[in-house]
Amino acid sequence: MERLPDIHEFIPEVELHLTRVGVSGVKKVIKVNVPNFGVITWIPTIDAYIDLPANKKGVHMSRSNEAITHIIEESIEKPAQRLETLCARIAKQLLEKHDYATRSEVKMDCDYGVYRQTPVSKKRTLEMCKVMARAVAHRRNGEMKIRKMIGAEVTGITTCPCAQEVMKQFSKKRLKNKAHDLGLTIDQIEKIINLIPTPTHTQRNTGLIMIEIPEEYDVNAEDLIKIIEESMSATTFEVLKRIDEAELIKRAHLSPMFTEDCVRNMLKKIIAKFSYLPDNVVIIVRNISEESVHKHNAIAERITTLGKLRKEIGS
C-alpha cells in the first residue's frame, strides 16, 4: 500500500509552541462504580488536549480519539471507580500515543441527578446538577505526573440583604407613622418587623466547587453538591406544591446573602468537611448570581489551597 504523506510532521511556517490542541464536545457512554450507589451509566461531554511542539504542523487528531475510545471501552467492561480516575487514564493514554507531547488535559462534564424532598409536602424529586472531572498529565525526563480534580455545579437562589434592609427601614417608618391609628407602640412595631420576613429581590445562583484529589485520597461529588446547596439562601426544586413554594420563599428571605457570602460559606464548609486532605490541595470556589433587578450578573470566586485557607480562617 502506498504510504500517504504525513502533513502533521511538517515544520509549520510559524514555529510557535501551542499549549492546548485537541478535541472537544466528544460524547461517550461510560460506566462508573460510584460508592454507595453501584454502577452508574453516564453520557459525559469530553474535552481532550495535548500541547504541540513548535516544530510540528499539527497533532495526530485520530490518536486523541483513539485514546478516548480505548479507555472508555475498558470502562464499559470494567467500570472505573471514579470519574476523575477515568480522566487520568485518558490523560496518560494521550501522552503515550503522542510521544512528542509533554502535557495532556482531559475534562468530563456530566449531568447528574440527586434525590431530594420538597420542604413541606416531602415529595421525592430528582434534582439535576452537574458533576465535573479534570485530569492533567505532565511528562518530564521520562517521568509522568498526573493531577486530578472533581467538582460540582448546583443551582439555587439568594435574596439580597441590601435591598431587604432598605425595605425593612421603609416598613418601620411607614408603620411608625401609622402607629397611633393601628394602636401599636414603637416596641411592638419593632417586634413585628423583626418577626415577618421582609421582601427583597431574589436571584438564581449557580455555585461551583472544584477540588484537587491527591493519590490515595477520595472525595465524593455528592458531598460537594450538598455543600453548595447549603451555602445559598435556599435550594430550588423542579416540582413545588404551593405550601412548599411558600416555605422555600420564607427560608430564602430569612437568610439573605450576597454572592460573596455564598463563596465564603462554601469555603468554610469545605475546611470542615475535608479536614483529612493535605494542605497543598488546590480548590476553586465560584458563585454566579443572575441578578433580577440588573441586566448584569454578579460573580465571586476564590482559588487557593486548603493550607492557605486553614491559616486564614484560623487567624
C-alpha atoms as a PDB file:
ATOM      1  CA  MET A   1       0.000   0.000   0.000  1.00  0.00           C
ATOM      2  CA  GLU A   2       1.292   3.430  -0.945  1.00  0.00           C
ATOM      3  CA  ARG A   3       2.394   5.487   2.097  1.00  0.00           C
ATOM      4  CA  LEU A   4       0.463   8.741   2.319  1.00  0.00           C
ATOM      5  CA  PRO A   5       2.298  11.942   3.254  1.00  0.00           C
ATOM      6  CA  ASP A   6       2.068  12.849   6.927  1.00  0.00           C
ATOM      7  CA  ILE A   7       1.420  16.597   6.831  1.00  0.00           C
ATOM      8  CA  HIS A   8       1.283  16.745  10.634  1.00  0.00           C
ATOM      9  CA  GLU A   9       5.035  16.090  10.790  1.00  0.00           C
ATOM     10  CA  PHE A  10       5.898  19.022   8.528  1.00  0.00           C
ATOM     11  CA  ILE A  11       7.528  22.091  10.027  1.00  0.00           C
ATOM     12  CA  PRO A  12       4.971  24.940  10.184  1.00  0.00           C
ATOM     13  CA  GLU A  13       5.555  28.318   8.569  1.00  0.00           C
ATOM     14  CA  VAL A  14       5.268  29.935  12.017  1.00  0.00           C
ATOM     15  CA  GLU A  15       7.215  27.857  14.540  1.00  0.00           C
ATOM     16  CA  LEU A  16       5.496  28.503  17.869  1.00  0.00           C
ATOM     17  CA  HIS A  17       4.593  26.133  20.698  1.00  0.00           C
ATOM     18  CA  LEU A  18       0.844  25.676  21.345  1.00  0.00           C
ATOM     19  CA  THR A  19      -0.484  24.976  24.828  1.00  0.00           C
ATOM     20  CA  ARG A  20      -3.669  23.068  24.024  1.00  0.00           C
ATOM     21  CA  VAL A  21      -4.646  21.281  20.827  1.00  0.00           C
ATOM     22  CA  GLY A  22      -7.210  18.508  20.657  1.00  0.00           C
ATOM     23  CA  VAL A  23     -10.873  17.605  20.513  1.00  0.00           C
ATOM     24  CA  SER A  24     -13.868  18.985  22.397  1.00  0.00           C
ATOM     25  CA  GLY A  25     -17.525  18.109  22.742  1.00  0.00           C
ATOM     26  CA  VAL A  26     -16.982  14.347  22.418  1.00  0.00           C
ATOM     27  CA  LYS A  27     -19.909  12.355  23.825  1.00  0.00           C
ATOM     28  CA  LYS A  28     -19.490   8.773  25.004  1.00  0.00           C
ATOM     29  CA  VAL A  29     -21.346   6.304  27.205  1.00  0.00           C
ATOM     30  CA  ILE A  30     -19.322   5.478  30.311  1.00  0.00           C
ATOM     31  CA  LYS A  31     -19.834   3.380  33.419  1.00  0.00           C
ATOM     32  CA  VAL A  32     -18.531   4.428  36.817  1.00  0.00           C
ATOM     33  CA  ASN A  33     -18.759   2.452  40.055  1.00  0.00           C
ATOM     34  CA  VAL A  34     -19.977   5.168  42.443  1.00  0.00           C
ATOM     35  CA  PRO A  35     -19.568   4.371  46.176  1.00  0.00           C
ATOM     36  CA  ASN A  36     -22.891   3.670  47.930  1.00  0.00           C
ATOM     37  CA  PHE A  37     -24.746   3.705  44.597  1.00  0.00           C
ATOM     38  CA  GLY A  38     -23.184   0.968  42.486  1.00  0.00           C
ATOM     39  CA  VAL A  39     -22.511   1.183  38.748  1.00  0.00           C
ATOM     40  CA  ILE A  40     -23.930   4.321  37.098  1.00  0.00           C
ATOM     41  CA  THR A  41     -24.148   4.905  33.347  1.00  0.00           C
ATOM     42  CA  TRP A  42     -23.305   8.453  32.256  1.00  0.00           C
ATOM     43  CA  ILE A  43     -23.037  10.268  28.944  1.00  0.00           C
ATOM     44  CA  PRO A  44     -20.373  12.915  29.590  1.00  0.00           C
ATOM     45  CA  THR A  45     -19.120  15.642  27.300  1.00  0.00           C
ATOM     46  CA  ILE A  46     -15.375  15.111  26.945  1.00  0.00           C
ATOM     47  CA  ASP A  47     -12.588  17.524  26.003  1.00  0.00           C
ATOM     48  CA  ALA A  48      -9.062  16.182  25.489  1.00  0.00           C
ATOM     49  CA  TYR A  49      -5.969  18.224  24.716  1.00  0.00           C
ATOM     50  CA  ILE A  50      -2.206  17.943  24.387  1.00  0.00           C
ATOM     51  CA  ASP A  51       0.489  20.563  23.878  1.00  0.00           C
ATOM     52  CA  LEU A  52       2.104  20.842  20.436  1.00  0.00           C
ATOM     53  CA  PRO A  53       5.830  21.486  19.869  1.00  0.00           C
ATOM     54  CA  ALA A  54       6.833  24.429  17.700  1.00  0.00           C
ATOM     55  CA  ASN A  55       8.357  22.180  15.020  1.00  0.00           C
ATOM     56  CA  LYS A  56       5.163  20.203  14.273  1.00  0.00           C
ATOM     57  CA  LYS A  57       2.455  21.495  11.969  1.00  0.00           C
ATOM     58  CA  GLY A  58      -0.400  19.638  13.711  1.00  0.00           C
ATOM     59  CA  VAL A  59      -1.390  16.884  16.112  1.00  0.00           C
ATOM     60  CA  HIS A  60      -2.430  13.413  15.023  1.00  0.00           C
ATOM     61  CA  MET A  61      -6.049  14.037  15.973  1.00  0.00           C
ATOM     62  CA  SER A  62      -7.159  10.464  15.347  1.00  0.00           C
ATOM     63  CA  ARG A  63      -4.773   9.315  18.074  1.00  0.00           C
ATOM     64  CA  SER A  64      -6.597  11.509  20.587  1.00  0.00           C
ATOM     65  CA  ASN A  65      -9.920   9.963  19.621  1.00  0.00           C
ATOM     66  CA  GLU A  66      -8.357   6.507  19.810  1.00  0.00           C
ATOM     67  CA  ALA A  67      -7.091   7.229  23.328  1.00  0.00           C
ATOM     68  CA  ILE A  68     -10.546   8.310  24.477  1.00  0.00           C
ATOM     69  CA  THR A  69     -12.295   5.374  22.826  1.00  0.00           C
ATOM     70  CA  HIS A  70      -9.825   2.816  24.186  1.00  0.00           C
ATOM     71  CA  ILE A  71     -10.218   3.905  27.822  1.00  0.00           C
ATOM     72  CA  ILE A  72     -13.990   4.383  27.541  1.00  0.00           C
ATOM     73  CA  GLU A  73     -14.448   0.875  26.116  1.00  0.00           C
ATOM     74  CA  GLU A  74     -12.423  -0.504  29.015  1.00  0.00           C
ATOM     75  CA  SER A  75     -14.761   1.283  31.435  1.00  0.00           C
ATOM     76  CA  ILE A  76     -17.789  -0.395  29.858  1.00  0.00           C
ATOM     77  CA  GLU A  77     -16.300  -3.830  30.511  1.00  0.00           C
ATOM     78  CA  LYS A  78     -14.778  -2.880  33.860  1.00  0.00           C
ATOM     79  CA  PRO A  79     -16.352   0.289  35.366  1.00  0.00           C
ATOM     80  CA  ALA A  80     -13.939   2.882  36.742  1.00  0.00           C
ATOM     81  CA  GLN A  81     -14.023   3.638  40.454  1.00  0.00           C
ATOM     82  CA  ARG A  82     -14.097   7.396  39.947  1.00  0.00           C
ATOM     83  CA  LEU A  83     -14.889   9.854  37.165  1.00  0.00           C
ATOM     84  CA  GLU A  84     -11.610  11.704  37.743  1.00  0.00           C
ATOM     85  CA  THR A  85      -9.745   8.376  37.588  1.00  0.00           C
ATOM     86  CA  LEU A  86     -11.182   7.821  34.122  1.00  0.00           C
ATOM     87  CA  CYS A  87      -9.944  11.279  33.090  1.00  0.00           C
ATOM     88  CA  ALA A  88      -6.491  10.466  34.449  1.00  0.00           C
ATOM     89  CA  ARG A  89      -6.324   7.231  32.469  1.00  0.00           C
ATOM     90  CA  ILE A  90      -7.221   9.063  29.253  1.00  0.00           C
ATOM     91  CA  ALA A  91      -4.662  11.804  30.016  1.00  0.00           C
ATOM     92  CA  LYS A  92      -1.974   9.168  30.446  1.00  0.00           C
ATOM     93  CA  GLN A  93      -3.030   7.388  27.253  1.00  0.00           C
ATOM     94  CA  LEU A  94      -2.829  10.668  25.329  1.00  0.00           C
ATOM     95  CA  LEU A  95       0.828  11.130  26.261  1.00  0.00           C
ATOM     96  CA  GLU A  96       1.565   7.525  25.380  1.00  0.00           C
ATOM     97  CA  LYS A  97       0.047   7.960  21.910  1.00  0.00           C
ATOM     98  CA  HIS A  98       1.547  11.417  21.338  1.00  0.00           C
ATOM     99  CA  ASP A  99       5.200  10.844  22.199  1.00  0.00           C
ATOM    100  CA  TYR A 100       6.091  14.420  21.161  1.00  0.00           C
ATOM    101  CA  ALA A 101       3.737  15.989  23.764  1.00  0.00           C
ATOM    102  CA  THR A 102       4.725  16.872  27.335  1.00  0.00           C
ATOM    103  CA  ARG A 103       1.313  17.799  28.708  1.00  0.00           C
ATOM    104  CA  SER A 104      -2.225  16.463  28.340  1.00  0.00           C
ATOM    105  CA  GLU A 105      -5.519  17.598  29.780  1.00  0.00           C
ATOM    106  CA  VAL A 106      -8.899  15.861  29.947  1.00  0.00           C
ATOM    107  CA  LYS A 107     -12.255  17.276  31.046  1.00  0.00           C
ATOM    108  CA  MET A 108     -15.548  15.473  31.594  1.00  0.00           C
ATOM    109  CA  ASP A 109     -18.853  17.204  32.360  1.00  0.00           C
ATOM    110  CA  CYS A 110     -21.881  15.072  33.271  1.00  0.00           C
ATOM    111  CA  ASP A 111     -25.480  15.843  34.123  1.00  0.00           C
ATOM    112  CA  TYR A 112     -26.193  14.244  37.474  1.00  0.00           C
ATOM    113  CA  GLY A 113     -29.430  13.671  39.381  1.00  0.00           C
ATOM    114  CA  VAL A 114     -29.734  13.750  43.172  1.00  0.00           C
ATOM    115  CA  TYR A 115     -32.871  12.775  45.080  1.00  0.00           C
ATOM    116  CA  ARG A 116     -34.297  15.429  47.370  1.00  0.00           C
ATOM    117  CA  GLN A 117     -37.532  16.034  49.315  1.00  0.00           C
ATOM    118  CA  THR A 118     -39.649  19.161  48.969  1.00  0.00           C
ATOM    119  CA  PRO A 119     -39.692  21.308  52.146  1.00  0.00           C
ATOM    120  CA  VAL A 120     -43.221  20.604  53.458  1.00  0.00           C
ATOM    121  CA  SER A 121     -45.070  18.027  51.351  1.00  0.00           C
ATOM    122  CA  LYS A 122     -41.932  15.831  51.385  1.00  0.00           C
ATOM    123  CA  LYS A 123     -42.405  14.790  47.782  1.00  0.00           C
ATOM    124  CA  ARG A 124     -39.417  12.907  46.387  1.00  0.00           C
ATOM    125  CA  THR A 125     -37.888  14.739  43.446  1.00  0.00           C
ATOM    126  CA  LEU A 126     -34.876  14.128  41.214  1.00  0.00           C
ATOM    127  CA  GLU A 127     -32.930  17.375  41.010  1.00  0.00           C
ATOM    128  CA  MET A 128     -30.380  17.831  38.244  1.00  0.00           C
ATOM    129  CA  CYS A 129     -26.937  19.323  38.729  1.00  0.00           C
ATOM    130  CA  LYS A 130     -23.559  18.899  37.078  1.00  0.00           C
ATOM    131  CA  VAL A 131     -20.516  16.843  38.050  1.00  0.00           C
ATOM    132  CA  MET A 132     -17.159  17.692  36.504  1.00  0.00           C
ATOM    133  CA  ALA A 133     -13.866  15.825  36.476  1.00  0.00           C
ATOM    134  CA  ARG A 134     -10.454  17.031  35.363  1.00  0.00           C
ATOM    135  CA  ALA A 135      -7.023  15.461  34.927  1.00  0.00           C
ATOM    136  CA  VAL A 136      -3.734  16.994  33.785  1.00  0.00           C
ATOM    137  CA  ALA A 137      -0.695  14.848  32.991  1.00  0.00           C
ATOM    138  CA  HIS A 138       2.877  16.180  32.731  1.00  0.00           C
ATOM    139  CA  ARG A 139       5.855  14.299  31.314  1.00  0.00           C
ATOM    140  CA  ARG A 140       9.375  15.351  32.172  1.00  0.00           C
ATOM    141  CA  ASN A 141      12.622  13.365  31.956  1.00  0.00           C
ATOM    142  CA  GLY A 142      10.686  10.173  31.300  1.00  0.00           C
ATOM    143  CA  GLU A 143       8.553  10.610  34.423  1.00  0.00           C
ATOM    144  CA  MET A 144       4.806  11.227  34.281  1.00  0.00           C
ATOM    145  CA  LYS A 145       2.833  13.065  36.963  1.00  0.00           C
ATOM    146  CA  ILE A 146      -0.956  13.372  36.986  1.00  0.00           C
ATOM    147  CA  ARG A 147      -3.160  15.803  38.909  1.00  0.00           C
ATOM    148  CA  LYS A 148      -6.887  15.107  39.293  1.00  0.00           C
ATOM    149  CA  MET A 149      -9.858  17.236  40.293  1.00  0.00           C
ATOM    150  CA  ILE A 150     -13.538  16.579  40.927  1.00  0.00           C
ATOM    151  CA  GLY A 151     -16.226  19.225  41.043  1.00  0.00           C
ATOM    152  CA  ALA A 152     -19.915  20.009  41.117  1.00  0.00           C
ATOM    153  CA  GLU A 153     -22.179  22.806  39.930  1.00  0.00           C
ATOM    154  CA  VAL A 154     -25.576  23.396  41.544  1.00  0.00           C
ATOM    155  CA  THR A 155     -28.373  25.927  41.079  1.00  0.00           C
ATOM    156  CA  GLY A 156     -30.109  27.628  43.993  1.00  0.00           C
ATOM    157  CA  ILE A 157     -31.417  31.070  44.952  1.00  0.00           C
ATOM    158  CA  THR A 158     -30.343  34.004  47.081  1.00  0.00           C
ATOM    159  CA  THR A 159     -32.177  37.030  48.434  1.00  0.00           C
ATOM    160  CA  CYS A 160     -30.487  40.413  48.557  1.00  0.00           C
ATOM    161  CA  PRO A 161     -29.624  41.604  52.102  1.00  0.00           C
ATOM    162  CA  CYS A 162     -29.021  45.189  50.945  1.00  0.00           C
ATOM    163  CA  ALA A 163     -32.455  45.706  49.395  1.00  0.00           C
ATOM    164  CA  GLN A 164     -34.043  43.832  52.297  1.00  0.00           C
ATOM    165  CA  GLU A 165     -32.578  46.247  54.860  1.00  0.00           C
ATOM    166  CA  VAL A 166     -33.828  49.211  52.822  1.00  0.00           C
ATOM    167  CA  MET A 167     -37.313  47.676  52.699  1.00  0.00           C
ATOM    168  CA  LYS A 168     -37.177  46.950  56.436  1.00  0.00           C
ATOM    169  CA  GLN A 169     -36.415  50.596  57.223  1.00  0.00           C
ATOM    170  CA  PHE A 170     -39.136  51.727  54.826  1.00  0.00           C
ATOM    171  CA  SER A 171     -41.678  49.428  56.515  1.00  0.00           C
ATOM    172  CA  LYS A 172     -40.659  50.616  60.004  1.00  0.00           C
ATOM    173  CA  LYS A 173     -41.046  54.252  59.031  1.00  0.00           C
ATOM    174  CA  ARG A 174     -44.437  53.664  57.441  1.00  0.00           C
ATOM    175  CA  LEU A 175     -45.757  51.677  60.411  1.00  0.00           C
ATOM    176  CA  LYS A 176     -44.460  54.210  62.923  1.00  0.00           C
ATOM    177  CA  ASN A 177     -46.314  56.947  61.073  1.00  0.00           C
ATOM    178  CA  LYS A 178     -49.480  54.850  61.448  1.00  0.00           C
ATOM    179  CA  ALA A 179     -48.725  53.611  64.988  1.00  0.00           C
ATOM    180  CA  HIS A 180     -51.469  55.678  66.636  1.00  0.00           C
ATOM    181  CA  ASP A 181     -54.122  54.611  64.092  1.00  0.00           C
ATOM    182  CA  LEU A 182     -53.115  50.961  64.442  1.00  0.00           C
ATOM    183  CA  GLY A 183     -52.953  51.070  68.226  1.00  0.00           C
ATOM    184  CA  LEU A 184     -49.347  49.877  68.266  1.00  0.00           C
ATOM    185  CA  THR A 185     -46.370  51.008  70.306  1.00  0.00           C
ATOM    186  CA  ILE A 186     -42.944  51.585  68.757  1.00  0.00           C
ATOM    187  CA  ASP A 187     -41.610  48.471  70.536  1.00  0.00           C
ATOM    188  CA  GLN A 188     -44.450  46.395  69.113  1.00  0.00           C
ATOM    189  CA  ILE A 189     -43.702  47.674  65.615  1.00  0.00           C
ATOM    190  CA  GLU A 190     -40.026  46.723  66.023  1.00  0.00           C
ATOM    191  CA  LYS A 191     -41.012  43.201  67.090  1.00  0.00           C
ATOM    192  CA  ILE A 192     -43.424  42.804  64.159  1.00  0.00           C
ATOM    193  CA  ILE A 193     -40.845  43.962  61.616  1.00  0.00           C
ATOM    194  CA  ASN A 194     -38.226  41.569  63.015  1.00  0.00           C
ATOM    195  CA  LEU A 195     -40.699  38.674  63.048  1.00  0.00           C
ATOM    196  CA  ILE A 196     -42.014  38.910  59.481  1.00  0.00           C
ATOM    197  CA  PRO A 197     -39.706  38.068  56.531  1.00  0.00           C
ATOM    198  CA  THR A 198     -39.052  41.381  54.793  1.00  0.00           C
ATOM    199  CA  PRO A 199     -39.415  41.449  50.994  1.00  0.00           C
ATOM    200  CA  THR A 200     -36.383  41.822  48.747  1.00  0.00           C
ATOM    201  CA  HIS A 201     -35.370  40.809  45.243  1.00  0.00           C
ATOM    202  CA  THR A 202     -34.423  37.196  44.517  1.00  0.00           C
ATOM    203  CA  GLN A 203     -31.870  35.852  42.066  1.00  0.00           C
ATOM    204  CA  ARG A 204     -30.973  32.458  40.705  1.00  0.00           C
ATOM    205  CA  ASN A 205     -27.483  31.402  41.739  1.00  0.00           C
ATOM    206  CA  THR A 206     -25.046  28.855  40.374  1.00  0.00           C
ATOM    207  CA  GLY A 207     -22.446  27.585  42.814  1.00  0.00           C
ATOM    208  CA  LEU A 208     -19.336  25.676  41.758  1.00  0.00           C
ATOM    209  CA  ILE A 209     -16.636  23.793  43.649  1.00  0.00           C
ATOM    210  CA  MET A 210     -13.582  22.114  42.123  1.00  0.00           C
ATOM    211  CA  ILE A 211     -11.198  20.298  44.443  1.00  0.00           C
ATOM    212  CA  GLU A 212      -7.927  18.543  43.739  1.00  0.00           C
ATOM    213  CA  ILE A 213      -7.659  14.893  44.763  1.00  0.00           C
ATOM    214  CA  PRO A 214      -4.171  13.615  45.639  1.00  0.00           C
ATOM    215  CA  GLU A 215      -3.292   9.972  45.150  1.00  0.00           C
ATOM    216  CA  GLU A 216      -4.683   7.654  47.856  1.00  0.00           C
ATOM    217  CA  TYR A 217      -7.440  10.148  48.752  1.00  0.00           C
ATOM    218  CA  ASP A 218     -11.122  10.215  47.797  1.00  0.00           C
ATOM    219  CA  VAL A 219     -13.676  13.000  47.514  1.00  0.00           C
ATOM    220  CA  ASN A 220     -17.349  12.247  46.954  1.00  0.00           C
ATOM    221  CA  ALA A 221     -19.051  14.586  44.472  1.00  0.00           C
ATOM    222  CA  GLU A 222     -22.294  14.265  46.475  1.00  0.00           C
ATOM    223  CA  ASP A 223     -20.565  15.993  49.403  1.00  0.00           C
ATOM    224  CA  LEU A 224     -19.675  18.910  47.137  1.00  0.00           C
ATOM    225  CA  ILE A 225     -23.272  19.122  45.926  1.00  0.00           C
ATOM    226  CA  LYS A 226     -24.555  19.262  49.498  1.00  0.00           C
ATOM    227  CA  ILE A 227     -22.060  21.974  50.471  1.00  0.00           C
ATOM    228  CA  ILE A 228     -23.163  24.164  47.555  1.00  0.00           C
ATOM    229  CA  GLU A 229     -26.844  23.641  48.344  1.00  0.00           C
ATOM    230  CA  GLU A 230     -26.360  24.585  51.999  1.00  0.00           C
ATOM    231  CA  SER A 231     -24.352  27.710  51.173  1.00  0.00           C
ATOM    232  CA  MET A 232     -27.141  29.671  49.464  1.00  0.00           C
ATOM    233  CA  SER A 233     -30.314  31.292  50.781  1.00  0.00           C
ATOM    234  CA  ALA A 234     -32.362  28.284  49.625  1.00  0.00           C
ATOM    235  CA  THR A 235     -32.321  25.356  47.237  1.00  0.00           C
ATOM    236  CA  THR A 236     -34.592  25.153  44.201  1.00  0.00           C
ATOM    237  CA  PHE A 237     -36.874  22.318  43.070  1.00  0.00           C
ATOM    238  CA  GLU A 238     -38.377  21.294  39.748  1.00  0.00           C
ATOM    239  CA  VAL A 239     -41.706  20.444  41.414  1.00  0.00           C
ATOM    240  CA  LEU A 240     -43.192  22.558  44.214  1.00  0.00           C
ATOM    241  CA  LYS A 241     -46.688  22.494  45.655  1.00  0.00           C
ATOM    242  CA  ARG A 242     -47.946  25.846  46.918  1.00  0.00           C
ATOM    243  CA  ILE A 243     -47.149  25.008  50.538  1.00  0.00           C
ATOM    244  CA  ASP A 244     -43.584  24.050  49.512  1.00  0.00           C
ATOM    245  CA  GLU A 245     -43.140  27.220  47.488  1.00  0.00           C
ATOM    246  CA  ALA A 246     -44.248  29.370  50.426  1.00  0.00           C
ATOM    247  CA  GLU A 247     -41.808  27.598  52.749  1.00  0.00           C
ATOM    248  CA  LEU A 248     -38.936  27.954  50.281  1.00  0.00           C
ATOM    249  CA  ILE A 249     -39.564  31.693  49.845  1.00  0.00           C
ATOM    250  CA  LYS A 250     -39.789  32.130  53.616  1.00  0.00           C
ATOM    251  CA  ARG A 251     -36.472  30.333  54.148  1.00  0.00           C
ATOM    252  CA  ALA A 252     -34.775  32.386  51.459  1.00  0.00           C
ATOM    253  CA  HIS A 253     -35.974  35.695  52.900  1.00  0.00           C
ATOM    254  CA  LEU A 254     -34.904  34.709  56.411  1.00  0.00           C
ATOM    255  CA  SER A 255     -31.384  34.007  55.091  1.00  0.00           C
ATOM    256  CA  PRO A 256     -30.406  36.834  52.715  1.00  0.00           C
ATOM    257  CA  MET A 257     -26.965  36.560  51.103  1.00  0.00           C
ATOM    258  CA  PHE A 258     -24.676  38.283  48.654  1.00  0.00           C
ATOM    259  CA  THR A 259     -22.898  36.141  46.077  1.00  0.00           C
ATOM    260  CA  GLU A 260     -19.776  36.838  48.193  1.00  0.00           C
ATOM    261  CA  ASP A 261     -21.493  35.251  51.207  1.00  0.00           C
ATOM    262  CA  CYS A 262     -22.172  32.082  49.220  1.00  0.00           C
ATOM    263  CA  VAL A 263     -18.497  31.683  48.323  1.00  0.00           C
ATOM    264  CA  ARG A 264     -17.366  32.275  51.901  1.00  0.00           C
ATOM    265  CA  ASN A 265     -19.943  29.797  53.197  1.00  0.00           C
ATOM    266  CA  MET A 266     -18.688  27.157  50.783  1.00  0.00           C
ATOM    267  CA  LEU A 267     -15.069  27.766  51.764  1.00  0.00           C
ATOM    268  CA  LYS A 268     -15.869  27.372  55.459  1.00  0.00           C
ATOM    269  CA  LYS A 269     -17.793  24.148  54.882  1.00  0.00           C
ATOM    270  CA  ILE A 270     -15.002  22.752  52.692  1.00  0.00           C
ATOM    271  CA  ILE A 271     -12.485  23.219  55.507  1.00  0.00           C
ATOM    272  CA  ALA A 272     -14.765  21.380  57.930  1.00  0.00           C
ATOM    273  CA  LYS A 273     -15.713  18.538  55.578  1.00  0.00           C
ATOM    274  CA  PHE A 274     -12.296  17.797  54.090  1.00  0.00           C
ATOM    275  CA  SER A 275     -10.083  18.090  57.157  1.00  0.00           C
ATOM    276  CA  TYR A 276      -8.363  14.848  56.079  1.00  0.00           C
ATOM    277  CA  LEU A 277      -6.957  16.330  52.858  1.00  0.00           C
ATOM    278  CA  PRO A 278      -3.389  17.753  52.859  1.00  0.00           C
ATOM    279  CA  ASP A 279      -2.589  21.479  52.832  1.00  0.00           C
ATOM    280  CA  ASN A 280      -1.340  21.582  49.213  1.00  0.00           C
ATOM    281  CA  VAL A 281      -4.737  20.606  47.754  1.00  0.00           C
ATOM    282  CA  VAL A 282      -5.986  23.271  45.322  1.00  0.00           C
ATOM    283  CA  ILE A 283      -9.634  24.372  45.452  1.00  0.00           C
ATOM    284  CA  ILE A 284     -11.717  26.583  43.167  1.00  0.00           C
ATOM    285  CA  VAL A 285     -14.950  28.041  44.526  1.00  0.00           C
ATOM    286  CA  ARG A 286     -17.264  30.261  42.476  1.00  0.00           C
ATOM    287  CA  ASN A 287     -20.766  31.669  42.652  1.00  0.00           C
ATOM    288  CA  ILE A 288     -22.637  33.457  39.874  1.00  0.00           C
ATOM    289  CA  SER A 289     -25.752  35.453  40.677  1.00  0.00           C
ATOM    290  CA  GLU A 290     -28.190  36.059  37.807  1.00  0.00           C
ATOM    291  CA  GLU A 291     -29.411  39.430  39.019  1.00  0.00           C
ATOM    292  CA  SER A 292     -33.132  40.130  38.847  1.00  0.00           C
ATOM    293  CA  VAL A 293     -33.062  43.940  39.136  1.00  0.00           C
ATOM    294  CA  HIS A 294     -29.946  44.431  36.977  1.00  0.00           C
ATOM    295  CA  LYS A 295     -29.106  43.468  33.423  1.00  0.00           C
ATOM    296  CA  HIS A 296     -25.711  42.135  34.510  1.00  0.00           C
ATOM    297  CA  ASN A 297     -24.712  39.180  36.687  1.00  0.00           C
ATOM    298  CA  ALA A 298     -22.622  39.241  39.861  1.00  0.00           C
ATOM    299  CA  ILE A 299     -19.760  36.820  40.427  1.00  0.00           C
ATOM    300  CA  ALA A 300     -17.436  35.936  43.313  1.00  0.00           C
ATOM    301  CA  GLU A 301     -14.573  33.444  43.294  1.00  0.00           C
ATOM    302  CA  ARG A 302     -11.665  32.124  45.357  1.00  0.00           C
ATOM    303  CA  ILE A 303      -8.800  29.977  44.076  1.00  0.00           C
ATOM    304  CA  THR A 304      -6.447  28.835  46.806  1.00  0.00           C
ATOM    305  CA  THR A 305      -5.018  25.849  48.685  1.00  0.00           C
ATOM    306  CA  LEU A 306      -6.525  24.217  51.749  1.00  0.00           C
ATOM    307  CA  GLY A 307      -3.418  25.142  53.729  1.00  0.00           C
ATOM    308  CA  LYS A 308      -3.750  28.873  52.997  1.00  0.00           C
ATOM    309  CA  LEU A 309      -7.451  28.717  53.752  1.00  0.00           C
ATOM    310  CA  ARG A 310      -6.911  26.941  57.077  1.00  0.00           C
ATOM    311  CA  LYS A 311      -4.365  29.558  58.193  1.00  0.00           C
ATOM    312  CA  GLU A 312      -6.665  32.381  57.109  1.00  0.00           C
ATOM    313  CA  ILE A 313      -9.759  31.135  58.867  1.00  0.00           C
ATOM    314  CA  GLY A 314      -7.740  30.087  61.914  1.00  0.00           C
ATOM    315  CA  SER A 315      -6.461  33.615  62.382  1.00  0.00           C
END
